[in-house]
Amino acid sequence: MKRPHDLTKAELERIVEAFQEALYLDQDETPHTWNPDKEWDVYLFDHLSAQLDQAGLRPNKVSPVNPKD
């Protein structure tokens, strides 16, 4: 499993942008709008975890935390 410090600035920016859009971009409106009160559903967490998985940030197995990470 990678840690955030293992990623490039561009990779981190891509993840943060994806999280921001998933949490606050209302695509049901035309034009799309930023909505600080957008309601979230359980599927949002699947989307967010998929973003972390794509970046290699998902743990491969249960393991203890290394305090040096």
N, C-alpha and C. Protein backbone atom coordinates (compact mmCIF):
# COMPACT_ATOMS: atom_id res chain seq x y z
N MET A 1 0.84 -1.18 0.00
CA MET A 1 0.00 0.00 0.00
C MET A 1 0.89 1.24 0.00
N LYS A 2 0.57 2.14 -0.92
CA LYS A 2 1.27 3.43 -0.93
C LYS A 2 0.71 4.31 0.18
N ARG A 3 1.48 5.31 0.54
CA ARG A 3 1.05 6.34 1.47
C ARG A 3 1.01 7.66 0.70
N PRO A 4 0.27 8.66 1.17
CA PRO A 4 0.18 9.91 0.43
C PRO A 4 1.53 10.52 0.06
N HIS A 5 2.53 10.38 0.93
CA HIS A 5 3.83 10.98 0.62
C HIS A 5 4.53 10.26 -0.55
N ASP A 6 4.03 9.08 -0.94
CA ASP A 6 4.60 8.35 -2.07
C ASP A 6 4.09 8.87 -3.42
N LEU A 7 3.04 9.67 -3.40
CA LEU A 7 2.43 10.15 -4.64
C LEU A 7 3.03 11.48 -5.08
N THR A 8 2.91 11.74 -6.36
CA THR A 8 3.36 13.02 -6.89
C THR A 8 2.31 14.09 -6.59
N LYS A 9 2.71 15.32 -6.75
CA LYS A 9 1.78 16.43 -6.55
C LYS A 9 0.59 16.30 -7.51
N ALA A 10 0.85 15.93 -8.75
CA ALA A 10 -0.22 15.78 -9.74
C ALA A 10 -1.19 14.67 -9.34
N GLU A 11 -0.66 13.56 -8.82
CA GLU A 11 -1.53 12.46 -8.39
C GLU A 11 -2.41 12.89 -7.21
N LEU A 12 -1.82 13.60 -6.26
CA LEU A 12 -2.59 14.09 -5.12
C LEU A 12 -3.66 15.08 -5.55
N GLU A 13 -3.31 15.96 -6.48
CA GLU A 13 -4.29 16.94 -6.97
C GLU A 13 -5.45 16.24 -7.66
N ARG A 14 -5.16 15.18 -8.42
CA ARG A 14 -6.22 14.44 -9.10
C ARG A 14 -7.18 13.81 -8.09
N ILE A 15 -6.63 13.24 -7.04
CA ILE A 15 -7.47 12.60 -6.01
C ILE A 15 -8.31 13.64 -5.28
N VAL A 16 -7.71 14.73 -4.89
CA VAL A 16 -8.45 15.78 -4.18
C VAL A 16 -9.54 16.36 -5.07
N GLU A 17 -9.23 16.57 -6.34
CA GLU A 17 -10.25 17.09 -7.27
C GLU A 17 -11.42 16.11 -7.39
N ALA A 18 -11.12 14.82 -7.49
CA ALA A 18 -12.17 13.81 -7.60
C ALA A 18 -13.03 13.79 -6.33
N PHE A 19 -12.39 13.90 -5.16
CA PHE A 19 -13.13 13.93 -3.90
C PHE A 19 -14.01 15.18 -3.84
N GLN A 20 -13.45 16.33 -4.19
CA GLN A 20 -14.20 17.58 -4.14
C GLN A 20 -15.42 17.52 -5.05
N GLU A 21 -15.23 17.02 -6.27
CA GLU A 21 -16.35 16.92 -7.20
C GLU A 21 -17.40 15.93 -6.69
N ALA A 22 -16.96 14.80 -6.16
CA ALA A 22 -17.91 13.80 -5.67
C ALA A 22 -18.73 14.35 -4.49
N LEU A 23 -18.08 15.12 -3.63
CA LEU A 23 -18.75 15.62 -2.44
C LEU A 23 -19.63 16.84 -2.70
N TYR A 24 -19.24 17.71 -3.63
CA TYR A 24 -19.91 19.00 -3.75
C TYR A 24 -20.42 19.40 -5.12
N LEU A 25 -20.03 18.71 -6.19
CA LEU A 25 -20.48 19.11 -7.52
C LEU A 25 -21.84 18.48 -7.79
N ASP A 26 -22.82 19.33 -7.99
CA ASP A 26 -24.19 18.86 -8.25
C ASP A 26 -24.37 18.78 -9.76
N GLN A 27 -24.33 17.56 -10.27
CA GLN A 27 -24.44 17.34 -11.70
C GLN A 27 -25.89 17.14 -12.13
N ASP A 28 -26.82 17.17 -11.17
CA ASP A 28 -28.24 17.05 -11.50
C ASP A 28 -28.80 18.38 -11.99
N GLU A 29 -28.08 19.44 -11.71
CA GLU A 29 -28.50 20.78 -12.13
C GLU A 29 -27.83 21.13 -13.45
N THR A 30 -28.50 21.94 -14.25
CA THR A 30 -27.92 22.44 -15.48
C THR A 30 -27.94 23.96 -15.42
N PRO A 31 -26.82 24.63 -15.47
CA PRO A 31 -25.48 24.07 -15.54
C PRO A 31 -25.09 23.44 -14.20
N HIS A 32 -24.03 22.61 -14.22
CA HIS A 32 -23.56 22.00 -12.98
C HIS A 32 -23.23 23.10 -11.97
N THR A 33 -23.47 22.83 -10.71
CA THR A 33 -23.23 23.84 -9.68
C THR A 33 -22.46 23.23 -8.51
N TRP A 34 -21.69 24.08 -7.84
CA TRP A 34 -21.04 23.68 -6.58
C TRP A 34 -22.07 23.87 -5.49
N ASN A 35 -22.30 22.83 -4.71
CA ASN A 35 -23.33 22.87 -3.68
C ASN A 35 -22.75 22.42 -2.34
N PRO A 36 -22.53 23.36 -1.40
CA PRO A 36 -21.96 22.98 -0.12
C PRO A 36 -22.91 22.12 0.72
N ASP A 37 -24.19 22.08 0.35
CA ASP A 37 -25.18 21.30 1.09
C ASP A 37 -25.63 20.06 0.33
N LYS A 38 -24.85 19.65 -0.66
CA LYS A 38 -25.21 18.47 -1.45
C LYS A 38 -25.39 17.26 -0.53
N GLU A 39 -26.46 16.53 -0.76
CA GLU A 39 -26.70 15.33 0.03
C GLU A 39 -25.86 14.19 -0.49
N TRP A 40 -25.36 13.37 0.43
CA TRP A 40 -24.52 12.24 0.09
C TRP A 40 -25.28 10.95 0.35
N ASP A 41 -24.95 9.93 -0.41
CA ASP A 41 -25.54 8.61 -0.16
C ASP A 41 -24.42 7.60 0.05
N VAL A 42 -24.79 6.39 0.37
CA VAL A 42 -23.81 5.36 0.69
C VAL A 42 -22.92 5.05 -0.51
N TYR A 43 -23.39 5.25 -1.72
CA TYR A 43 -22.60 4.96 -2.91
C TYR A 43 -21.42 5.91 -3.07
N LEU A 44 -21.51 7.06 -2.44
CA LEU A 44 -20.41 8.02 -2.48
C LEU A 44 -19.14 7.39 -1.90
N PHE A 45 -19.29 6.64 -0.84
CA PHE A 45 -18.11 6.03 -0.21
C PHE A 45 -17.48 4.97 -1.11
N ASP A 46 -18.29 4.27 -1.89
CA ASP A 46 -17.75 3.33 -2.88
C ASP A 46 -16.91 4.08 -3.91
N HIS A 47 -17.42 5.23 -4.34
CA HIS A 47 -16.72 6.05 -5.33
C HIS A 47 -15.39 6.56 -4.76
N LEU A 48 -15.43 7.07 -3.53
CA LEU A 48 -14.22 7.61 -2.91
C LEU A 48 -13.18 6.51 -2.68
N SER A 49 -13.64 5.35 -2.22
CA SER A 49 -12.68 4.28 -1.98
C SER A 49 -12.09 3.77 -3.29
N ALA A 50 -12.85 3.82 -4.37
CA ALA A 50 -12.33 3.42 -5.68
C ALA A 50 -11.22 4.37 -6.13
N GLN A 51 -11.38 5.65 -5.83
CA GLN A 51 -10.33 6.63 -6.17
C GLN A 51 -9.04 6.30 -5.43
N LEU A 52 -9.15 5.98 -4.15
CA LEU A 52 -7.97 5.63 -3.37
C LEU A 52 -7.35 4.33 -3.87
N ASP A 53 -8.20 3.38 -4.23
CA ASP A 53 -7.71 2.10 -4.75
C ASP A 53 -6.94 2.30 -6.05
N GLN A 54 -7.45 3.13 -6.95
CA GLN A 54 -6.77 3.39 -8.22
C GLN A 54 -5.39 4.00 -8.02
N ALA A 55 -5.25 4.76 -6.94
CA ALA A 55 -3.96 5.41 -6.65
C ALA A 55 -3.03 4.51 -5.85
N GLY A 56 -3.50 3.30 -5.53
CA GLY A 56 -2.66 2.38 -4.77
C GLY A 56 -2.67 2.65 -3.28
N LEU A 57 -3.64 3.41 -2.80
CA LEU A 57 -3.69 3.79 -1.39
C LEU A 57 -4.57 2.86 -0.54
N ARG A 58 -5.11 1.83 -1.14
CA ARG A 58 -5.94 0.87 -0.41
C ARG A 58 -5.03 -0.21 0.18
N PRO A 59 -5.24 -0.56 1.45
CA PRO A 59 -4.43 -1.63 2.03
C PRO A 59 -4.66 -2.95 1.30
N ASN A 60 -3.61 -3.73 1.13
CA ASN A 60 -3.72 -5.04 0.48
C ASN A 60 -4.18 -6.11 1.44
N LYS A 61 -3.90 -5.89 2.72
CA LYS A 61 -4.24 -6.87 3.75
C LYS A 61 -4.32 -6.15 5.09
N VAL A 62 -4.86 -6.82 6.08
CA VAL A 62 -4.88 -6.28 7.43
C VAL A 62 -3.45 -6.31 7.96
N SER A 63 -2.98 -5.17 8.41
CA SER A 63 -1.61 -5.10 8.92
C SER A 63 -1.50 -3.96 9.93
N PRO A 64 -0.54 -4.05 10.83
CA PRO A 64 -0.37 -2.99 11.82
C PRO A 64 0.11 -1.69 11.16
N VAL A 65 -0.18 -0.61 11.82
CA VAL A 65 0.27 0.70 11.35
C VAL A 65 1.75 0.85 11.67
N ASN A 66 2.50 1.29 10.69
CA ASN A 66 3.91 1.58 10.91
C ASN A 66 4.03 3.06 11.25
N PRO A 67 4.43 3.38 12.49
CA PRO A 67 4.48 4.81 12.87
C PRO A 67 5.44 5.64 12.05
N LYS A 68 6.36 5.01 11.31
CA LYS A 68 7.30 5.75 10.48
C LYS A 68 6.70 6.15 9.15
N ASP A 69 5.49 5.63 8.83
CA ASP A 69 4.82 5.98 7.57
C ASP A 69 4.14 7.31 7.66
